[in-house]
Amino acid sequence: MLLLLPPSETKRPGGAGAPLAVPSLAFEALAPQREAALDALTSLAADADAMSRALKLSERQRGEVAVNAAVRSAPTMPAIDRFTGVLYDALDAETLPADARRWLGAHAAVQTALLGPVGALDPVPAFRLSAGQRIPGIPPLKRHWAAPTRDALSAATGPIVDLRSEAYRDLGPIPDGTPQAYVRVVEAGADGAVRALNHFNKKTKGAFTRALALAAPEIRSTEELVSWARSAGVDMRPGDAAGELLLVSHG
């Protein structure tokens, strides 16, 4: 199983790892797209005003220009520790035992706008770039990433379980014919009906990912994932749409 996670616009600064080594990242075939995106970002960062306009940075956020300028030389940390925000706070990867982190390293990836999908334990620097933004020097991000990422994901073993938001799904479509499931978070009402859950969507996904990592199951199909979830006390059920799984919160 491959679990695809969304990134977060907020990231933990610093790190103790060596600078980014593109050839060491998961999905090695994406190296050309990664190098092109890195070159474009660092070139843009040479003009602070141009980067601020392109990324719609406020005056308070202008420090992100220096972060992007140093993206090739800055220290790194595992991707799963780099990202912050609601989903990653609920995952709380730093407190996971070593076996759980190894499971994430083998079975989870984070979709990014700068580097494409990276392995959960891949060492990455801090940076500022999101799916809806555009930087000179490369095509719009959807066009830059979609086709090569689709090809790279075709090598995944077992089902691909997609927790990404729509914007990041567009950057990395799952190949047709690949066993897959899109996870939608819903809330069960008192009447038994389910409805979209917006406020706690990311928190629920983070807690689900943490539960998976702690259990470290071997999942070979979406049916096995649903079966595992139920055995773990997680309400997961097939949705109405083909390939959709509902992750049900009960408040």
Protein backbone atom coordinates (compact mmCIF):
# COMPACT_ATOMS: atom_id res chain seq x y z
CA MET A 1 0.00 0.00 0.00
CA LEU A 2 1.05 3.55 -0.73
CA LEU A 3 -0.56 6.28 1.37
CA LEU A 4 -0.50 9.67 -0.36
CA LEU A 5 -0.60 12.63 2.02
CA PRO A 6 -1.09 16.32 1.27
CA PRO A 7 1.64 18.76 2.29
CA SER A 8 1.17 21.81 4.47
CA GLU A 9 1.98 25.41 3.66
CA THR A 10 3.54 25.73 7.12
CA LYS A 11 6.80 23.96 7.78
CA ARG A 12 9.18 23.48 10.68
CA PRO A 13 12.39 25.51 10.15
CA GLY A 14 15.94 24.27 10.42
CA GLY A 15 17.03 20.67 10.46
CA ALA A 16 20.10 18.57 11.17
CA GLY A 17 20.41 16.74 7.86
CA ALA A 18 22.76 17.40 4.96
CA PRO A 19 21.50 19.65 2.15
CA LEU A 20 19.00 18.29 -0.33
CA ALA A 21 20.26 15.45 -2.53
CA VAL A 22 17.75 15.06 -5.34
CA PRO A 23 18.99 11.58 -6.41
CA SER A 24 18.25 10.23 -2.91
CA LEU A 25 14.54 11.05 -3.01
CA ALA A 26 11.84 8.45 -3.62
CA PHE A 27 10.42 8.25 -7.15
CA GLU A 28 13.85 8.81 -8.69
CA ALA A 29 12.42 9.21 -12.21
CA LEU A 30 11.14 12.66 -11.18
CA ALA A 31 14.69 14.04 -10.84
CA PRO A 32 14.51 16.18 -14.03
CA GLN A 33 11.26 17.84 -12.93
CA ARG A 34 12.67 18.38 -9.44
CA GLU A 35 15.84 19.99 -10.71
CA ALA A 36 13.88 22.27 -13.04
CA ALA A 37 11.53 23.36 -10.24
CA LEU A 38 14.43 24.00 -7.86
CA ASP A 39 16.26 26.06 -10.48
CA ALA A 40 13.15 28.09 -11.20
CA LEU A 41 12.45 28.74 -7.53
CA THR A 42 15.99 29.81 -6.66
CA SER A 43 16.19 32.02 -9.75
CA LEU A 44 12.98 33.76 -8.76
CA ALA A 45 14.24 34.20 -5.20
CA ALA A 46 17.05 36.38 -6.54
CA ASP A 47 14.41 39.11 -6.96
CA ALA A 48 12.61 39.47 -3.64
CA ASP A 49 9.88 41.69 -5.07
CA ALA A 50 9.18 39.33 -7.98
CA MET A 51 8.99 36.33 -5.65
CA SER A 52 6.72 38.19 -3.26
CA ARG A 53 4.36 38.96 -6.13
CA ALA A 54 4.47 35.45 -7.58
CA LEU A 55 3.82 33.74 -4.25
CA LYS A 56 1.51 36.50 -2.94
CA LEU A 57 3.66 37.00 0.15
CA SER A 58 2.65 39.61 2.70
CA GLU A 59 5.25 41.89 4.29
CA ARG A 60 5.25 39.56 7.29
CA GLN A 61 6.02 36.62 5.00
CA ARG A 62 8.91 38.21 3.11
CA GLY A 63 11.34 36.04 5.07
CA GLU A 64 10.15 33.15 2.88
CA VAL A 65 12.17 34.65 0.02
CA ALA A 66 15.40 33.86 1.87
CA VAL A 67 14.08 30.39 2.72
CA ASN A 68 13.53 29.68 -0.98
CA ALA A 69 16.85 31.20 -1.99
CA ALA A 70 18.64 28.72 0.31
CA VAL A 71 16.60 25.65 -0.66
CA ARG A 72 19.60 23.81 -2.18
CA SER A 73 22.00 24.55 0.69
CA ALA A 74 19.70 24.55 3.74
CA PRO A 75 19.68 21.69 6.27
CA THR A 76 17.05 19.00 5.86
CA MET A 77 14.81 16.84 8.01
CA PRO A 78 12.43 13.96 7.18
CA ALA A 79 9.42 15.16 5.23
CA ILE A 80 7.03 13.75 7.81
CA ASP A 81 8.68 15.99 10.44
CA ARG A 82 9.10 19.04 8.21
CA PHE A 83 5.42 19.72 7.62
CA THR A 84 3.25 21.22 10.35
CA GLY A 85 -0.41 22.16 10.59
CA VAL A 86 -3.55 20.31 11.64
CA LEU A 87 -2.95 17.00 9.85
CA TYR A 88 0.68 16.76 10.91
CA ASP A 89 -0.07 17.85 14.47
CA ALA A 90 -2.53 14.94 14.72
CA LEU A 91 -0.01 12.55 13.15
CA ASP A 92 2.67 13.79 15.60
CA ALA A 93 5.34 11.79 13.76
CA GLU A 94 8.17 12.77 16.08
CA THR A 95 6.57 10.83 18.93
CA LEU A 96 6.06 7.65 16.91
CA PRO A 97 8.23 4.64 17.79
CA ALA A 98 10.92 3.62 15.34
CA ASP A 99 8.89 0.75 13.86
CA ALA A 100 5.99 3.07 13.09
CA ARG A 101 8.28 5.60 11.42
CA ARG A 102 9.82 2.82 9.34
CA TRP A 103 6.33 1.79 8.24
CA LEU A 104 5.65 5.35 7.11
CA GLY A 105 8.97 5.40 5.29
CA ALA A 106 7.97 2.30 3.35
CA HIS A 107 4.28 3.07 2.80
CA ALA A 108 3.67 6.84 2.81
CA ALA A 109 4.55 9.77 0.58
CA VAL A 110 3.84 13.50 0.76
CA GLN A 111 2.78 15.26 -2.44
CA THR A 112 4.60 18.59 -2.76
CA ALA A 113 4.51 21.41 -5.28
CA LEU A 114 8.31 21.76 -5.43
CA LEU A 115 9.58 18.17 -5.39
CA GLY A 116 6.56 16.13 -6.42
CA PRO A 117 5.78 13.17 -4.15
CA VAL A 118 8.53 12.47 -1.64
CA GLY A 119 8.89 9.56 0.74
CA ALA A 120 7.76 10.17 4.31
CA LEU A 121 11.35 9.88 5.58
CA ASP A 122 13.03 11.61 2.63
CA PRO A 123 15.19 14.49 3.92
CA VAL A 124 13.84 17.77 2.56
CA PRO A 125 14.55 21.46 3.24
CA ALA A 126 12.07 24.14 4.20
CA PHE A 127 10.52 25.95 1.22
CA ARG A 128 7.51 28.01 0.22
CA LEU A 129 5.50 26.93 -2.83
CA SER A 130 1.96 25.61 -3.08
CA ALA A 131 -0.04 23.87 -5.79
CA GLY A 132 -1.95 26.91 -7.00
CA GLN A 133 1.09 29.12 -7.54
CA ARG A 134 3.16 29.65 -10.66
CA ILE A 135 6.86 30.43 -11.01
CA PRO A 136 8.62 31.62 -14.17
CA GLY A 137 10.92 29.15 -15.88
CA ILE A 138 8.70 26.09 -15.75
CA PRO A 139 5.16 25.35 -16.99
CA PRO A 140 2.20 25.72 -14.64
CA LEU A 141 2.69 23.20 -11.84
CA LYS A 142 -0.16 20.92 -12.92
CA ARG A 143 1.39 20.57 -16.39
CA HIS A 144 4.90 20.30 -14.95
CA TRP A 145 4.08 17.44 -12.57
CA ALA A 146 0.97 15.55 -13.69
CA ALA A 147 2.21 13.26 -16.47
CA PRO A 148 5.62 12.35 -14.99
CA THR A 149 4.10 11.80 -11.55
CA ARG A 150 1.40 9.56 -12.99
CA ASP A 151 4.15 7.50 -14.60
CA ALA A 152 6.17 7.38 -11.37
CA LEU A 153 3.17 6.23 -9.34
CA SER A 154 2.60 3.33 -11.71
CA ALA A 155 5.44 1.51 -9.95
CA ALA A 156 3.62 1.52 -6.58
CA THR A 157 3.00 -1.87 -5.02
CA GLY A 158 -0.50 -2.60 -3.74
CA PRO A 159 -3.35 -0.09 -3.61
CA ILE A 160 -2.75 3.67 -3.57
CA VAL A 161 -4.78 5.29 -0.79
CA ASP A 162 -5.24 8.98 -1.51
CA LEU A 163 -5.65 11.48 1.33
CA ARG A 164 -4.64 14.51 -0.76
CA SER A 165 -6.71 17.61 -1.45
CA GLU A 166 -7.97 18.17 -4.98
CA ALA A 167 -5.23 20.67 -5.90
CA TYR A 168 -2.51 18.17 -5.02
CA ARG A 169 -4.33 15.26 -6.63
CA ASP A 170 -4.14 17.28 -9.86
CA LEU A 171 -0.34 17.43 -9.53
CA GLY A 172 -0.10 13.64 -9.30
CA PRO A 173 -2.97 11.71 -10.88
CA ILE A 174 -3.05 8.02 -10.05
CA PRO A 175 -2.64 5.89 -13.19
CA ASP A 176 -5.73 4.27 -14.66
CA GLY A 177 -5.90 0.60 -13.80
CA THR A 178 -3.97 1.02 -10.55
CA PRO A 179 -5.89 -0.24 -7.48
CA GLN A 180 -6.75 2.93 -5.61
CA ALA A 181 -9.09 4.60 -3.16
CA TYR A 182 -9.81 8.24 -2.47
CA VAL A 183 -10.53 8.82 1.23
CA ARG A 184 -13.26 11.33 2.03
CA VAL A 185 -13.84 12.38 5.64
CA VAL A 186 -17.47 12.59 6.72
CA GLU A 187 -19.42 12.92 9.96
CA ALA A 188 -22.21 10.63 11.06
CA GLY A 189 -25.29 12.47 12.25
CA ALA A 190 -27.76 11.31 14.88
CA ASP A 191 -30.01 10.10 12.07
CA GLY A 192 -27.27 7.85 10.73
CA ALA A 193 -26.73 9.95 7.61
CA VAL A 194 -23.22 11.11 6.79
CA ARG A 195 -22.23 14.59 5.65
CA ALA A 196 -18.97 16.27 4.66
CA LEU A 197 -16.73 17.13 7.58
CA ASN A 198 -14.73 20.25 6.90
CA HIS A 199 -13.38 21.65 10.16
CA PHE A 200 -11.84 18.41 11.44
CA ASN A 201 -11.06 16.90 8.04
CA LYS A 202 -7.29 17.24 8.33
CA LYS A 203 -7.22 16.21 11.99
CA THR A 204 -9.12 13.02 11.18
CA LYS A 205 -6.73 12.18 8.34
CA GLY A 206 -3.73 12.75 10.62
CA ALA A 207 -5.14 10.53 13.35
CA PHE A 208 -5.94 7.82 10.77
CA THR A 209 -2.38 7.94 9.43
CA ARG A 210 -0.98 7.69 12.94
CA ALA A 211 -3.17 4.66 13.71
CA LEU A 212 -1.94 2.97 10.53
CA ALA A 213 1.69 3.65 11.36
CA LEU A 214 1.35 2.30 14.90
CA ALA A 215 -0.37 -0.87 13.68
CA ALA A 216 1.96 -1.26 10.67
CA PRO A 217 -0.44 -3.57 8.80
CA GLU A 218 0.29 -5.31 5.52
CA ILE A 219 -2.46 -4.05 3.23
CA ARG A 220 -2.78 -5.62 -0.22
CA SER A 221 -6.20 -4.31 -1.26
CA THR A 222 -8.72 -1.65 -0.36
CA GLU A 223 -10.93 -4.40 1.07
CA GLU A 224 -8.12 -5.34 3.45
CA LEU A 225 -7.78 -1.69 4.45
CA VAL A 226 -11.48 -1.47 5.33
CA SER A 227 -11.22 -4.74 7.25
CA TRP A 228 -8.18 -3.52 9.18
CA ALA A 229 -9.87 -0.20 9.96
CA ARG A 230 -12.91 -1.91 11.43
CA SER A 231 -10.73 -4.21 13.53
CA ALA A 232 -8.93 -1.10 14.83
CA GLY A 233 -12.17 0.64 15.77
CA VAL A 234 -12.02 3.03 12.82
CA ASP A 235 -15.29 3.55 10.93
CA MET A 236 -14.31 3.20 7.27
CA ARG A 237 -16.76 2.13 4.61
CA PRO A 238 -17.13 2.22 0.82
CA GLY A 239 -18.60 5.45 -0.54
CA ASP A 240 -21.20 5.92 -3.25
CA ALA A 241 -18.65 6.86 -5.90
CA ALA A 242 -16.41 4.23 -7.44
CA GLY A 243 -13.05 4.04 -5.69
CA GLU A 244 -14.18 6.17 -2.77
CA LEU A 245 -13.76 5.25 0.90
CA LEU A 246 -15.52 7.15 3.65
CA LEU A 247 -13.63 7.82 6.87
CA VAL A 248 -16.43 8.46 9.33
CA SER A 249 -16.09 10.69 12.37
CA HIS A 250 -18.59 10.23 15.18
CA GLY A 251 -17.84 13.53 16.89
